[in-house]
Amino acid sequence: MIEKTHELYSRLPKDIPLSDAKEALGLLADLQHEKELSKHDKAGAEALRELALAEITIKYDFYEKLFAAVFAERKAIAEGFFRVIDQGILEKNNDLVLAGLSSLSDMVASSPLTNLSSLNH
């Protein structure tokens, strides 16, 4: 570092006051320091971006699997209600048809996503 400073001093025009030259070199050193900090900041920002991306990916995978499971279960239940309705129609059993329709209606009216906000805690 001393050699570099001496080299910079030696290249300066002779009519520049030494105090101005020292101030200029100090400013150059400050700029270099800021540049190094900026590189560090960029690396930190990149690491934070990668971390956020990983978190988003993990949450996406979780919700995708959760929704697939919830809706697969609801589909199976709905199919069961339709079997009950079909059976009631075949048997001309109005009570069975009404029970199947009522249960299906209740299931469709309820949202499997009602408690979704509790998953964020």
N, C-alpha and C. Protein backbone atom coordinates (compact mmCIF):
# COMPACT_ATOMS: atom_id res chain seq x y z
N MET A 1 0.83 -1.19 0.00
CA MET A 1 0.00 0.00 0.00
C MET A 1 0.87 1.25 0.00
N ILE A 2 1.95 1.23 0.76
CA ILE A 2 2.84 2.39 0.82
C ILE A 2 3.46 2.65 -0.56
N GLU A 3 3.85 1.57 -1.24
CA GLU A 3 4.45 1.72 -2.57
C GLU A 3 3.45 2.34 -3.54
N LYS A 4 2.21 1.90 -3.45
CA LYS A 4 1.17 2.43 -4.33
C LYS A 4 0.94 3.91 -4.05
N THR A 5 0.91 4.27 -2.78
CA THR A 5 0.73 5.67 -2.41
C THR A 5 1.88 6.51 -2.94
N HIS A 6 3.10 6.04 -2.76
CA HIS A 6 4.27 6.75 -3.25
C HIS A 6 4.21 6.91 -4.77
N GLU A 7 3.78 5.86 -5.45
CA GLU A 7 3.67 5.91 -6.92
C GLU A 7 2.65 6.97 -7.33
N LEU A 8 1.50 6.99 -6.62
CA LEU A 8 0.49 8.00 -6.94
C LEU A 8 1.01 9.41 -6.68
N TYR A 9 1.72 9.62 -5.56
CA TYR A 9 2.31 10.93 -5.28
C TYR A 9 3.29 11.34 -6.37
N SER A 10 4.08 10.39 -6.82
CA SER A 10 5.10 10.72 -7.82
C SER A 10 4.49 11.08 -9.17
N ARG A 11 3.29 10.61 -9.46
CA ARG A 11 2.65 10.91 -10.74
C ARG A 11 1.87 12.22 -10.71
N LEU A 12 1.68 12.78 -9.55
CA LEU A 12 0.94 14.03 -9.45
C LEU A 12 1.76 15.19 -10.01
N PRO A 13 1.07 16.13 -10.64
CA PRO A 13 1.79 17.33 -11.09
C PRO A 13 2.41 18.04 -9.89
N LYS A 14 3.55 18.70 -10.11
CA LYS A 14 4.31 19.31 -9.00
C LYS A 14 3.66 20.59 -8.47
N ASP A 15 2.74 21.18 -9.25
CA ASP A 15 2.16 22.44 -8.80
C ASP A 15 0.90 22.25 -7.95
N ILE A 16 0.53 21.02 -7.67
CA ILE A 16 -0.62 20.76 -6.79
C ILE A 16 -0.10 20.75 -5.36
N PRO A 17 -0.77 21.51 -4.48
CA PRO A 17 -0.34 21.51 -3.08
C PRO A 17 -0.45 20.10 -2.48
N LEU A 18 0.49 19.78 -1.66
CA LEU A 18 0.54 18.46 -1.04
C LEU A 18 -0.75 18.14 -0.27
N SER A 19 -1.32 19.14 0.38
CA SER A 19 -2.56 18.91 1.14
C SER A 19 -3.70 18.51 0.21
N ASP A 20 -3.77 19.11 -0.99
CA ASP A 20 -4.80 18.74 -1.95
C ASP A 20 -4.59 17.32 -2.46
N ALA A 21 -3.33 16.97 -2.69
CA ALA A 21 -3.01 15.63 -3.16
C ALA A 21 -3.39 14.60 -2.10
N LYS A 22 -3.06 14.89 -0.85
CA LYS A 22 -3.41 13.97 0.24
C LYS A 22 -4.93 13.82 0.34
N GLU A 23 -5.65 14.94 0.19
CA GLU A 23 -7.10 14.90 0.26
C GLU A 23 -7.67 14.06 -0.89
N ALA A 24 -7.10 14.24 -2.09
CA ALA A 24 -7.55 13.46 -3.25
C ALA A 24 -7.31 11.98 -3.03
N LEU A 25 -6.12 11.64 -2.52
CA LEU A 25 -5.82 10.23 -2.24
C LEU A 25 -6.74 9.67 -1.17
N GLY A 26 -7.06 10.49 -0.18
CA GLY A 26 -8.00 10.06 0.85
C GLY A 26 -9.38 9.77 0.26
N LEU A 27 -9.80 10.65 -0.64
CA LEU A 27 -11.09 10.43 -1.30
C LEU A 27 -11.07 9.16 -2.15
N LEU A 28 -9.95 8.93 -2.85
CA LEU A 28 -9.83 7.70 -3.64
C LEU A 28 -9.89 6.46 -2.74
N ALA A 29 -9.23 6.55 -1.59
CA ALA A 29 -9.26 5.43 -0.65
C ALA A 29 -10.68 5.19 -0.14
N ASP A 30 -11.38 6.30 0.16
CA ASP A 30 -12.77 6.18 0.61
C ASP A 30 -13.65 5.55 -0.47
N LEU A 31 -13.43 5.96 -1.72
CA LEU A 31 -14.20 5.39 -2.83
C LEU A 31 -13.93 3.90 -2.96
N GLN A 32 -12.67 3.51 -2.82
CA GLN A 32 -12.32 2.09 -2.91
C GLN A 32 -12.99 1.31 -1.78
N HIS A 33 -12.98 1.90 -0.59
CA HIS A 33 -13.62 1.26 0.56
C HIS A 33 -15.12 1.11 0.31
N GLU A 34 -15.76 2.17 -0.22
CA GLU A 34 -17.18 2.10 -0.53
C GLU A 34 -17.46 1.06 -1.60
N LYS A 35 -16.57 0.96 -2.57
CA LYS A 35 -16.73 -0.03 -3.63
C LYS A 35 -16.68 -1.44 -3.05
N GLU A 36 -15.75 -1.67 -2.12
CA GLU A 36 -15.67 -2.98 -1.48
C GLU A 36 -16.91 -3.26 -0.65
N LEU A 37 -17.41 -2.24 0.06
CA LEU A 37 -18.64 -2.42 0.84
C LEU A 37 -19.81 -2.70 -0.09
N SER A 38 -19.83 -2.01 -1.23
CA SER A 38 -20.90 -2.22 -2.19
C SER A 38 -20.90 -3.66 -2.70
N LYS A 39 -19.72 -4.21 -2.95
CA LYS A 39 -19.63 -5.62 -3.36
C LYS A 39 -20.18 -6.51 -2.27
N HIS A 40 -19.84 -6.19 -1.03
CA HIS A 40 -20.32 -6.97 0.11
C HIS A 40 -21.85 -6.86 0.21
N ASP A 41 -22.36 -5.63 0.03
CA ASP A 41 -23.81 -5.42 0.08
C ASP A 41 -24.51 -6.20 -1.02
N LYS A 42 -23.93 -6.22 -2.22
CA LYS A 42 -24.52 -6.96 -3.33
C LYS A 42 -24.55 -8.45 -3.02
N ALA A 43 -23.48 -8.95 -2.44
CA ALA A 43 -23.42 -10.37 -2.08
C ALA A 43 -24.48 -10.68 -1.02
N GLY A 44 -24.62 -9.78 -0.06
CA GLY A 44 -25.64 -9.97 0.98
C GLY A 44 -27.04 -9.92 0.41
N ALA A 45 -27.27 -8.98 -0.50
CA ALA A 45 -28.59 -8.86 -1.14
C ALA A 45 -28.88 -10.11 -1.96
N GLU A 46 -27.89 -10.60 -2.64
CA GLU A 46 -28.07 -11.83 -3.45
C GLU A 46 -28.39 -13.01 -2.54
N ALA A 47 -27.71 -13.10 -1.41
CA ALA A 47 -27.98 -14.19 -0.47
C ALA A 47 -29.40 -14.08 0.08
N LEU A 48 -29.83 -12.86 0.40
CA LEU A 48 -31.20 -12.68 0.89
C LEU A 48 -32.22 -13.04 -0.18
N ARG A 49 -31.93 -12.68 -1.43
CA ARG A 49 -32.83 -13.02 -2.53
C ARG A 49 -32.94 -14.53 -2.68
N GLU A 50 -31.82 -15.21 -2.61
CA GLU A 50 -31.82 -16.68 -2.72
C GLU A 50 -32.59 -17.31 -1.57
N LEU A 51 -32.42 -16.76 -0.38
CA LEU A 51 -33.13 -17.27 0.79
C LEU A 51 -34.64 -17.07 0.63
N ALA A 52 -35.05 -15.88 0.17
CA ALA A 52 -36.47 -15.61 -0.04
C ALA A 52 -37.04 -16.53 -1.11
N LEU A 53 -36.28 -16.75 -2.17
CA LEU A 53 -36.73 -17.64 -3.23
C LEU A 53 -36.90 -19.07 -2.72
N ALA A 54 -35.97 -19.52 -1.90
CA ALA A 54 -36.07 -20.87 -1.32
C ALA A 54 -37.30 -20.97 -0.42
N GLU A 55 -37.56 -19.93 0.37
CA GLU A 55 -38.73 -19.94 1.25
C GLU A 55 -40.03 -19.98 0.44
N ILE A 56 -40.09 -19.19 -0.63
CA ILE A 56 -41.28 -19.19 -1.49
C ILE A 56 -41.48 -20.56 -2.12
N THR A 57 -40.41 -21.17 -2.58
CA THR A 57 -40.50 -22.49 -3.21
C THR A 57 -41.00 -23.54 -2.22
N ILE A 58 -40.48 -23.51 -1.01
CA ILE A 58 -40.91 -24.46 0.02
C ILE A 58 -42.39 -24.27 0.34
N LYS A 59 -42.82 -23.01 0.50
CA LYS A 59 -44.23 -22.74 0.80
C LYS A 59 -45.12 -23.17 -0.36
N TYR A 60 -44.68 -22.90 -1.59
CA TYR A 60 -45.46 -23.29 -2.76
C TYR A 60 -45.64 -24.81 -2.78
N ASP A 61 -44.56 -25.53 -2.58
CA ASP A 61 -44.64 -27.00 -2.58
C ASP A 61 -45.58 -27.50 -1.48
N PHE A 62 -45.48 -26.89 -0.30
CA PHE A 62 -46.34 -27.29 0.81
C PHE A 62 -47.82 -27.06 0.47
N TYR A 63 -48.15 -25.85 0.02
CA TYR A 63 -49.55 -25.54 -0.30
C TYR A 63 -50.06 -26.37 -1.46
N GLU A 64 -49.23 -26.62 -2.43
CA GLU A 64 -49.66 -27.45 -3.57
C GLU A 64 -50.03 -28.85 -3.09
N LYS A 65 -49.21 -29.44 -2.24
CA LYS A 65 -49.51 -30.78 -1.70
C LYS A 65 -50.72 -30.74 -0.77
N LEU A 66 -50.81 -29.69 0.03
CA LEU A 66 -51.95 -29.56 0.95
C LEU A 66 -53.26 -29.46 0.16
N PHE A 67 -53.30 -28.58 -0.83
CA PHE A 67 -54.52 -28.43 -1.63
C PHE A 67 -54.86 -29.70 -2.38
N ALA A 68 -53.86 -30.36 -2.92
CA ALA A 68 -54.12 -31.61 -3.64
C ALA A 68 -54.75 -32.64 -2.70
N ALA A 69 -54.22 -32.74 -1.47
CA ALA A 69 -54.76 -33.70 -0.50
C ALA A 69 -56.18 -33.32 -0.07
N VAL A 70 -56.38 -32.04 0.24
CA VAL A 70 -57.70 -31.59 0.71
C VAL A 70 -58.74 -31.81 -0.37
N PHE A 71 -58.43 -31.41 -1.60
CA PHE A 71 -59.43 -31.53 -2.65
C PHE A 71 -59.61 -32.97 -3.12
N ALA A 72 -58.59 -33.79 -3.00
CA ALA A 72 -58.76 -35.22 -3.32
C ALA A 72 -59.71 -35.85 -2.31
N GLU A 73 -59.55 -35.48 -1.05
CA GLU A 73 -60.44 -36.00 0.00
C GLU A 73 -61.87 -35.53 -0.25
N ARG A 74 -62.06 -34.27 -0.58
CA ARG A 74 -63.41 -33.73 -0.85
C ARG A 74 -64.02 -34.42 -2.07
N LYS A 75 -63.20 -34.69 -3.07
CA LYS A 75 -63.70 -35.37 -4.27
C LYS A 75 -64.22 -36.76 -3.90
N ALA A 76 -63.43 -37.47 -3.08
CA ALA A 76 -63.84 -38.82 -2.67
C ALA A 76 -65.14 -38.77 -1.86
N ILE A 77 -65.27 -37.79 -1.00
CA ILE A 77 -66.49 -37.66 -0.19
C ILE A 77 -67.68 -37.33 -1.10
N ALA A 78 -67.48 -36.41 -2.04
CA ALA A 78 -68.56 -36.04 -2.96
C ALA A 78 -68.99 -37.25 -3.78
N GLU A 79 -68.03 -38.04 -4.24
CA GLU A 79 -68.37 -39.24 -4.99
C GLU A 79 -69.21 -40.20 -4.14
N GLY A 80 -68.89 -40.29 -2.86
CA GLY A 80 -69.68 -41.11 -1.93
C GLY A 80 -71.11 -40.61 -1.83
N PHE A 81 -71.28 -39.29 -1.73
CA PHE A 81 -72.63 -38.72 -1.66
C PHE A 81 -73.39 -38.99 -2.95
N PHE A 82 -72.71 -38.90 -4.09
CA PHE A 82 -73.39 -39.19 -5.36
C PHE A 82 -73.80 -40.66 -5.45
N ARG A 83 -72.98 -41.55 -4.87
CA ARG A 83 -73.36 -42.97 -4.84
C ARG A 83 -74.62 -43.16 -4.00
N VAL A 84 -74.69 -42.45 -2.87
CA VAL A 84 -75.88 -42.52 -2.02
C VAL A 84 -77.09 -42.02 -2.79
N ILE A 85 -76.93 -40.89 -3.48
CA ILE A 85 -78.04 -40.32 -4.27
C ILE A 85 -78.46 -41.31 -5.36
N ASP A 86 -77.48 -41.86 -6.07
CA ASP A 86 -77.79 -42.84 -7.13
C ASP A 86 -78.52 -44.05 -6.56
N GLN A 87 -78.06 -44.52 -5.42
CA GLN A 87 -78.70 -45.67 -4.77
C GLN A 87 -80.14 -45.34 -4.40
N GLY A 88 -80.34 -44.12 -3.87
CA GLY A 88 -81.69 -43.70 -3.51
C GLY A 88 -82.60 -43.62 -4.72
N ILE A 89 -82.05 -43.17 -5.83
CA ILE A 89 -82.85 -43.09 -7.07
C ILE A 89 -83.21 -44.50 -7.55
N LEU A 90 -82.21 -45.40 -7.52
CA LEU A 90 -82.47 -46.78 -7.95
C LEU A 90 -83.54 -47.45 -7.09
N GLU A 91 -83.47 -47.18 -5.79
CA GLU A 91 -84.41 -47.80 -4.86
C GLU A 91 -85.71 -46.99 -4.71
N LYS A 92 -85.79 -45.87 -5.39
CA LYS A 92 -86.93 -44.96 -5.26
C LYS A 92 -87.15 -44.58 -3.79
N ASN A 93 -86.01 -44.33 -3.13
CA ASN A 93 -86.01 -43.98 -1.71
C ASN A 93 -85.71 -42.48 -1.59
N ASN A 94 -86.78 -41.71 -1.44
CA ASN A 94 -86.63 -40.25 -1.38
C ASN A 94 -85.80 -39.80 -0.17
N ASP A 95 -85.93 -40.49 0.94
CA ASP A 95 -85.16 -40.12 2.14
C ASP A 95 -83.66 -40.26 1.89
N LEU A 96 -83.26 -41.34 1.18
CA LEU A 96 -81.85 -41.57 0.87
C LEU A 96 -81.34 -40.50 -0.11
N VAL A 97 -82.15 -40.17 -1.10
CA VAL A 97 -81.77 -39.13 -2.07
C VAL A 97 -81.61 -37.80 -1.35
N LEU A 98 -82.58 -37.45 -0.51
CA LEU A 98 -82.52 -36.19 0.22
C LEU A 98 -81.33 -36.13 1.18
N ALA A 99 -81.04 -37.25 1.83
CA ALA A 99 -79.89 -37.29 2.75
C ALA A 99 -78.60 -37.07 1.97
N GLY A 100 -78.47 -37.73 0.81
CA GLY A 100 -77.27 -37.56 -0.02
C GLY A 100 -77.14 -36.14 -0.53
N LEU A 101 -78.27 -35.56 -1.00
CA LEU A 101 -78.25 -34.18 -1.50
C LEU A 101 -77.93 -33.19 -0.39
N SER A 102 -78.50 -33.40 0.78
CA SER A 102 -78.26 -32.51 1.91
C SER A 102 -76.78 -32.54 2.33
N SER A 103 -76.26 -33.75 2.42
CA SER A 103 -74.85 -33.89 2.82
C SER A 103 -73.92 -33.28 1.77
N LEU A 104 -74.24 -33.52 0.50
CA LEU A 104 -73.44 -32.94 -0.58
C LEU A 104 -73.52 -31.42 -0.54
N SER A 105 -74.70 -30.90 -0.33
CA SER A 105 -74.90 -29.45 -0.25
C SER A 105 -74.10 -28.84 0.90
N ASP A 106 -74.12 -29.49 2.06
CA ASP A 106 -73.36 -29.00 3.22
C ASP A 106 -71.86 -28.98 2.92
N MET A 107 -71.39 -30.05 2.28
CA MET A 107 -69.96 -30.12 1.98
C MET A 107 -69.57 -29.03 0.99
N VAL A 108 -70.38 -28.84 -0.05
CA VAL A 108 -70.06 -27.84 -1.07
C VAL A 108 -70.12 -26.43 -0.48
N ALA A 109 -71.04 -26.21 0.45
CA ALA A 109 -71.19 -24.88 1.06
C ALA A 109 -70.03 -24.53 1.98
N SER A 110 -69.39 -25.54 2.54
CA SER A 110 -68.26 -25.26 3.43
C SER A 110 -66.99 -25.16 2.60
N SER A 111 -66.11 -24.28 3.02
CA SER A 111 -64.86 -24.08 2.30
C SER A 111 -63.72 -24.81 3.01
N PRO A 112 -62.95 -25.59 2.26
CA PRO A 112 -61.80 -26.24 2.89
C PRO A 112 -60.69 -25.24 3.19
N LEU A 113 -60.84 -24.03 2.71
CA LEU A 113 -59.80 -23.01 2.91
C LEU A 113 -60.11 -22.06 4.06
N THR A 114 -61.18 -22.34 4.80
CA THR A 114 -61.61 -21.46 5.89
C THR A 114 -60.50 -21.22 6.90
N ASN A 115 -59.80 -22.25 7.29
CA ASN A 115 -58.76 -22.13 8.32
C ASN A 115 -57.37 -22.00 7.73
N LEU A 116 -57.27 -21.63 6.47
CA LEU A 116 -55.97 -21.53 5.81
C LEU A 116 -55.07 -20.51 6.48
N SER A 117 -55.62 -19.43 6.99
CA SER A 117 -54.80 -18.40 7.61
C SER A 117 -54.07 -18.92 8.85
N SER A 118 -54.59 -19.93 9.50
CA SER A 118 -53.93 -20.49 10.67
C SER A 118 -52.64 -21.21 10.31
N LEU A 119 -52.45 -21.58 9.05
CA LEU A 119 -51.22 -22.24 8.62
C LEU A 119 -50.04 -21.30 8.55
N ASN A 120 -50.28 -20.01 8.52
CA ASN A 120 -49.20 -19.02 8.43
C ASN A 120 -48.57 -18.72 9.78
N HIS A 121 -49.11 -19.25 10.85
CA HIS A 121 -48.58 -18.92 12.18
C HIS A 121 -47.66 -19.99 12.68
